[in-house]
C-alpha cells in the first residue's frame, strides 16, 4: 500500500470516530423554567412545550447528568413526559434536564428546569402573582402548575384563606362576590391527587388586595359556578 492511500485511510478512520454518537446530540433548546417549591409537598412537572403521550423511551430525564429512574416507587422518577416528586426534600433542589426525541421526525429537544425546595415558613414569598383591581367581584385563579396537576391527574381542589379552610370551595377558580377589605389575604389552592395508590398534595397561593371604595363590614363570600380563563404563570 502506498503512502497516499495509507494517509487517506487514517483520515477516514479519524473522521468517522469524530462523527459517531459519542458526542452530545444537537438538540433544540427550549425556554428554561424555574420553580420554588415547598418541602414535604408533591410536584408534578410536565414542560409546557413537550409533546404528550410520550413513552419512557421517547424522553429521558437527568439531574446534573445523572439519569432519573422510571420506577414509580422512587421518590423522584419520571413516567413518559412527566417528572414526579412525591415528597419534596431540600436535596431535590438542582437542575433537571429532559431530552426528547420525536419518533416520527427524529428531531431532538432539550428542556432545562431549575428546582428550589424551601421550608413552609417561606410560603409568603412563593406567591403566584397578586390579585389587585377595582372589580366588585373577584376571581382568584388556581395557579399553574397546581391547576394543571389536578386536570391531568383528576385531583380534587380545595381552598384556604390565611391557612384556614374555606368550606364548600372545590373549583379551580375561586370567586368572591362583593369583595371588601375583610376579604384581603393569602388564598391557597390545594390539589389532592392519587398516584400509585397513595394521596399527595400540591399547593400554590395568591394574595388578594381590594381597591376602591368598599365596605369594611363582614363581606359574605359566595361560590359561583362561573369559570375564567387563566394565563399560565410560574415561578
Protein backbone atom coordinates (compact mmCIF):
# COMPACT_ATOMS: atom_id res chain seq x y z
CA UNK A 1 0.00 0.00 0.00
CA UNK A 2 1.46 3.36 -0.97
CA UNK A 3 1.82 6.25 1.44
CA UNK A 4 -1.04 8.34 -0.02
CA UNK A 5 -3.60 5.51 0.38
CA UNK A 6 -2.46 4.84 3.94
CA UNK A 7 -2.86 8.51 4.89
CA UNK A 8 -6.31 8.54 3.30
CA UNK A 9 -7.45 5.52 5.36
CA UNK A 10 -6.14 7.06 8.58
CA UNK A 11 -8.04 10.28 7.80
CA UNK A 12 -11.28 8.33 7.19
CA UNK A 13 -10.98 6.42 10.48
CA UNK A 14 -10.42 9.61 12.47
CA UNK A 15 -13.30 11.42 10.74
CA UNK A 16 -15.72 8.52 11.29
CA UNK A 17 -14.91 8.29 15.01
CA UNK A 18 -15.42 12.04 15.48
CA UNK A 19 -18.88 11.89 13.88
CA UNK A 20 -20.06 8.87 15.84
CA UNK A 21 -22.74 9.02 18.54
CA UNK A 22 -20.24 9.69 21.32
CA UNK A 23 -20.83 13.43 21.12
CA UNK A 24 -23.84 15.24 22.59
CA UNK A 25 -26.69 15.50 20.04
CA UNK A 26 -27.53 18.91 18.63
CA UNK A 27 -30.96 19.49 20.13
CA UNK A 28 -33.25 22.49 20.02
CA UNK A 29 -33.09 24.19 23.42
CA UNK A 30 -36.44 25.23 24.86
CA UNK A 31 -37.01 28.02 27.38
CA UNK A 32 -35.70 27.27 30.85
CA UNK A 33 -38.25 27.01 33.67
CA UNK A 34 -37.66 27.72 37.37
CA UNK A 35 -39.83 26.57 40.29
CA UNK A 36 -39.61 27.30 44.01
CA UNK A 37 -41.48 24.57 45.90
CA UNK A 38 -42.46 23.72 49.46
CA UNK A 39 -40.72 20.92 51.34
CA UNK A 40 -42.97 17.94 52.08
CA UNK A 41 -45.38 18.52 49.20
CA UNK A 42 -45.58 16.64 45.91
CA UNK A 43 -44.85 18.12 42.50
CA UNK A 44 -45.86 17.01 39.03
CA UNK A 45 -43.74 18.58 36.32
CA UNK A 46 -44.51 18.47 32.64
CA UNK A 47 -42.69 21.02 30.44
CA UNK A 48 -45.24 23.22 28.68
CA UNK A 49 -43.75 22.67 25.22
CA UNK A 50 -43.24 18.91 25.45
CA UNK A 51 -45.36 16.54 23.37
CA UNK A 52 -47.97 14.49 25.21
CA UNK A 53 -48.28 10.73 25.24
CA UNK A 54 -44.54 10.04 25.11
CA UNK A 55 -43.12 6.71 26.19
CA UNK A 56 -40.21 6.34 28.60
CA UNK A 57 -38.04 5.65 25.55
CA UNK A 58 -39.01 8.89 23.78
CA UNK A 59 -37.79 11.12 26.60
CA UNK A 60 -35.15 10.87 29.32
CA UNK A 61 -34.78 12.97 32.47
CA UNK A 62 -31.47 13.78 34.18
CA UNK A 63 -30.39 15.65 37.30
CA UNK A 64 -26.90 17.08 36.96
CA UNK A 65 -26.14 14.46 34.26
CA UNK A 66 -27.38 11.56 36.44
CA UNK A 67 -30.34 9.75 34.85
CA UNK A 68 -33.62 9.82 36.77
CA UNK A 69 -35.21 6.36 37.26
CA UNK A 70 -38.61 5.32 35.89
CA UNK A 71 -39.52 3.19 38.92
CA UNK A 72 -42.80 4.56 40.38
CA UNK A 73 -41.68 3.60 43.89
CA UNK A 74 -38.79 6.06 43.76
CA UNK A 75 -39.35 9.44 45.43
CA UNK A 76 -38.18 11.20 42.25
CA UNK A 77 -38.88 9.45 38.95
CA UNK A 78 -40.31 10.08 35.52
CA UNK A 79 -43.04 8.43 33.51
CA UNK A 80 -43.41 9.49 29.90
CA UNK A 81 -43.10 13.25 29.65
CA UNK A 82 -43.83 13.88 33.35
CA UNK A 83 -41.36 14.16 36.22
CA UNK A 84 -42.71 13.26 39.68
CA UNK A 85 -41.53 14.47 43.10
CA UNK A 86 -43.61 12.51 45.61
CA UNK A 87 -42.14 14.08 48.76
CA UNK A 88 -40.08 17.18 48.12
CA UNK A 89 -36.83 17.31 50.07
CA UNK A 90 -34.11 20.02 50.17
CA UNK A 91 -31.74 17.66 48.35
CA UNK A 92 -34.18 17.60 45.42
CA UNK A 93 -33.09 21.16 44.61
CA UNK A 94 -30.97 21.37 41.48
CA UNK A 95 -31.00 21.46 37.71
CA UNK A 96 -33.04 18.92 35.76
CA UNK A 97 -32.82 18.27 32.03
CA UNK A 98 -35.13 16.35 29.71
CA UNK A 99 -34.07 15.10 26.26
CA UNK A 100 -37.00 14.38 23.94
CA UNK A 101 -36.68 12.58 20.63
CA UNK A 102 -39.58 12.88 18.21
CA UNK A 103 -40.10 9.29 16.95
CA UNK A 104 -41.61 10.47 13.65
CA UNK A 105 -39.10 13.15 12.64
CA UNK A 106 -36.09 12.15 14.71
CA UNK A 107 -35.71 15.74 15.95
CA UNK A 108 -34.30 16.32 19.42
CA UNK A 109 -35.47 18.83 22.06
CA UNK A 110 -33.78 19.83 25.32
CA UNK A 111 -35.72 21.11 28.35
CA UNK A 112 -33.98 22.71 31.34
CA UNK A 113 -35.71 23.07 34.70
CA UNK A 114 -34.40 24.57 37.92
CA UNK A 115 -36.00 23.34 41.17
CA UNK A 116 -35.53 25.05 44.53
CA UNK A 117 -37.12 23.38 47.59
CA UNK A 118 -37.74 25.60 50.64
CA UNK A 119 -39.41 25.21 54.03
CA UNK A 120 -43.08 26.14 54.55
CA UNK A 121 -42.04 29.24 56.52
CA UNK A 122 -41.12 30.80 53.15
CA UNK A 123 -44.68 30.41 51.88
CA UNK A 124 -45.39 34.17 51.78
CA UNK A 125 -42.50 34.56 49.35
CA UNK A 126 -43.95 31.94 46.97
CA UNK A 127 -46.96 33.89 45.75
CA UNK A 128 -48.02 33.36 42.13
CA UNK A 129 -48.97 36.94 41.45
CA UNK A 130 -51.23 39.40 43.20
CA UNK A 131 -54.94 39.95 42.57
CA UNK A 132 -55.40 43.73 42.78
CA UNK A 133 -58.13 45.58 40.91
CA UNK A 134 -61.30 47.59 41.50
CA UNK A 135 -63.71 44.87 40.35
CA UNK A 136 -66.61 44.30 42.72
CA UNK A 137 -66.50 40.55 42.23
CA UNK A 138 -63.04 39.00 42.45
CA UNK A 139 -61.80 35.90 40.69
CA UNK A 140 -58.77 34.14 42.18
CA UNK A 141 -57.46 31.55 39.70
CA UNK A 142 -55.66 28.49 40.96
CA UNK A 143 -52.07 28.95 39.77
CA UNK A 144 -50.26 26.62 37.44
CA UNK A 145 -48.80 24.08 37.84
CA UNK A 146 -51.33 23.08 40.55
CA UNK A 147 -54.29 23.62 38.23
CA UNK A 148 -52.63 21.54 35.51
CA UNK A 149 -51.78 18.81 38.02
CA UNK A 150 -55.42 18.45 39.06
CA UNK A 151 -56.59 18.38 35.46
CA UNK A 152 -54.03 15.80 34.38
CA UNK A 153 -54.28 13.52 37.42
CA UNK A 154 -58.01 14.03 38.11
CA UNK A 155 -57.37 15.51 41.53
CA UNK A 156 -59.68 17.44 43.86
CA UNK A 157 -59.46 21.16 44.62
CA UNK A 158 -59.87 22.91 47.95
CA UNK A 159 -59.02 26.41 49.16
CA UNK A 160 -57.57 28.04 52.28
CA UNK A 161 -57.54 31.68 53.26
CA UNK A 162 -54.66 32.66 55.53
CA UNK A 163 -54.15 28.94 56.27
CA UNK A 164 -57.81 28.46 57.31
CA UNK A 165 -60.02 26.14 55.19
CA UNK A 166 -62.83 27.65 53.14
CA UNK A 167 -65.84 25.38 53.21
CA UNK A 168 -67.52 24.15 50.02
CA UNK A 169 -64.88 25.64 47.74
CA UNK A 170 -63.82 22.93 45.28
CA UNK A 171 -63.44 24.75 41.95
CA UNK A 172 -60.22 25.68 40.16
CA UNK A 173 -61.25 29.36 40.21
CA UNK A 174 -62.37 30.98 43.47
CA UNK A 175 -64.97 33.74 43.17
CA UNK A 176 -65.63 36.35 45.87
CA UNK A 177 -68.74 38.43 45.34
CA UNK A 178 -68.96 41.99 46.70
CA UNK A 179 -65.39 41.81 47.97
CA UNK A 180 -64.43 44.09 50.86
CA UNK A 181 -61.24 44.82 52.76
CA UNK A 182 -62.15 41.94 55.05
CA UNK A 183 -61.60 39.57 52.13
CA UNK A 184 -57.98 40.59 51.68
CA UNK A 185 -55.42 37.90 52.44
CA UNK A 186 -53.47 34.99 51.03
CA UNK A 187 -55.56 32.37 49.25
CA UNK A 188 -54.08 28.92 48.72
CA UNK A 189 -55.31 26.46 46.13
CA UNK A 190 -54.62 22.85 47.16
CA UNK A 191 -54.91 19.86 44.86
CA UNK A 192 -55.15 16.39 46.37
CA UNK A 193 -54.30 13.71 43.80
CA UNK A 194 -53.82 9.97 43.84
CA UNK A 195 -50.84 8.26 42.27
CA UNK A 196 -49.73 4.65 42.54
CA UNK A 197 -52.34 4.05 45.26
CA UNK A 198 -51.30 6.98 47.51
CA UNK A 199 -52.60 10.51 48.03
CA UNK A 200 -50.43 13.62 47.58
CA UNK A 201 -50.93 17.36 47.96
CA UNK A 202 -49.71 20.22 45.76
CA UNK A 203 -50.46 23.84 46.61
CA UNK A 204 -49.93 27.38 45.33
CA UNK A 205 -51.01 30.77 46.67
CA UNK A 206 -52.08 34.23 45.54
CA UNK A 207 -52.61 37.40 47.57
CA UNK A 208 -55.85 39.37 47.22
CA UNK A 209 -55.90 43.12 47.72
CA UNK A 210 -59.11 45.11 47.38
CA UNK A 211 -59.05 48.56 45.79
CA UNK A 212 -61.70 51.25 45.60
CA UNK A 213 -64.47 52.27 47.97
CA UNK A 214 -65.59 49.11 49.70
CA UNK A 215 -67.49 48.38 52.85
CA UNK A 216 -65.41 47.42 55.88
CA UNK A 217 -68.16 45.24 57.24
CA UNK A 218 -68.04 41.47 57.07
CA UNK A 219 -68.47 40.54 53.44
CA UNK A 220 -70.17 37.27 52.69
CA UNK A 221 -68.21 35.22 50.15
CA UNK A 222 -70.35 33.02 47.95
CA UNK A 223 -69.25 30.38 45.50
CA UNK A 224 -70.03 30.98 41.85
CA UNK A 225 -70.21 28.48 39.04
CA UNK A 226 -68.51 30.85 36.61
CA UNK A 227 -65.07 29.99 35.32
CA UNK A 228 -62.45 32.30 33.86
CA UNK A 229 -59.58 31.63 31.52
CA UNK A 230 -56.21 31.58 33.28
CA UNK A 231 -52.99 32.75 31.73
CA UNK A 232 -50.12 30.40 32.60
CA UNK A 233 -47.78 31.84 35.23
CA UNK A 234 -44.96 30.21 37.10
CA UNK A 235 -42.07 30.87 39.44
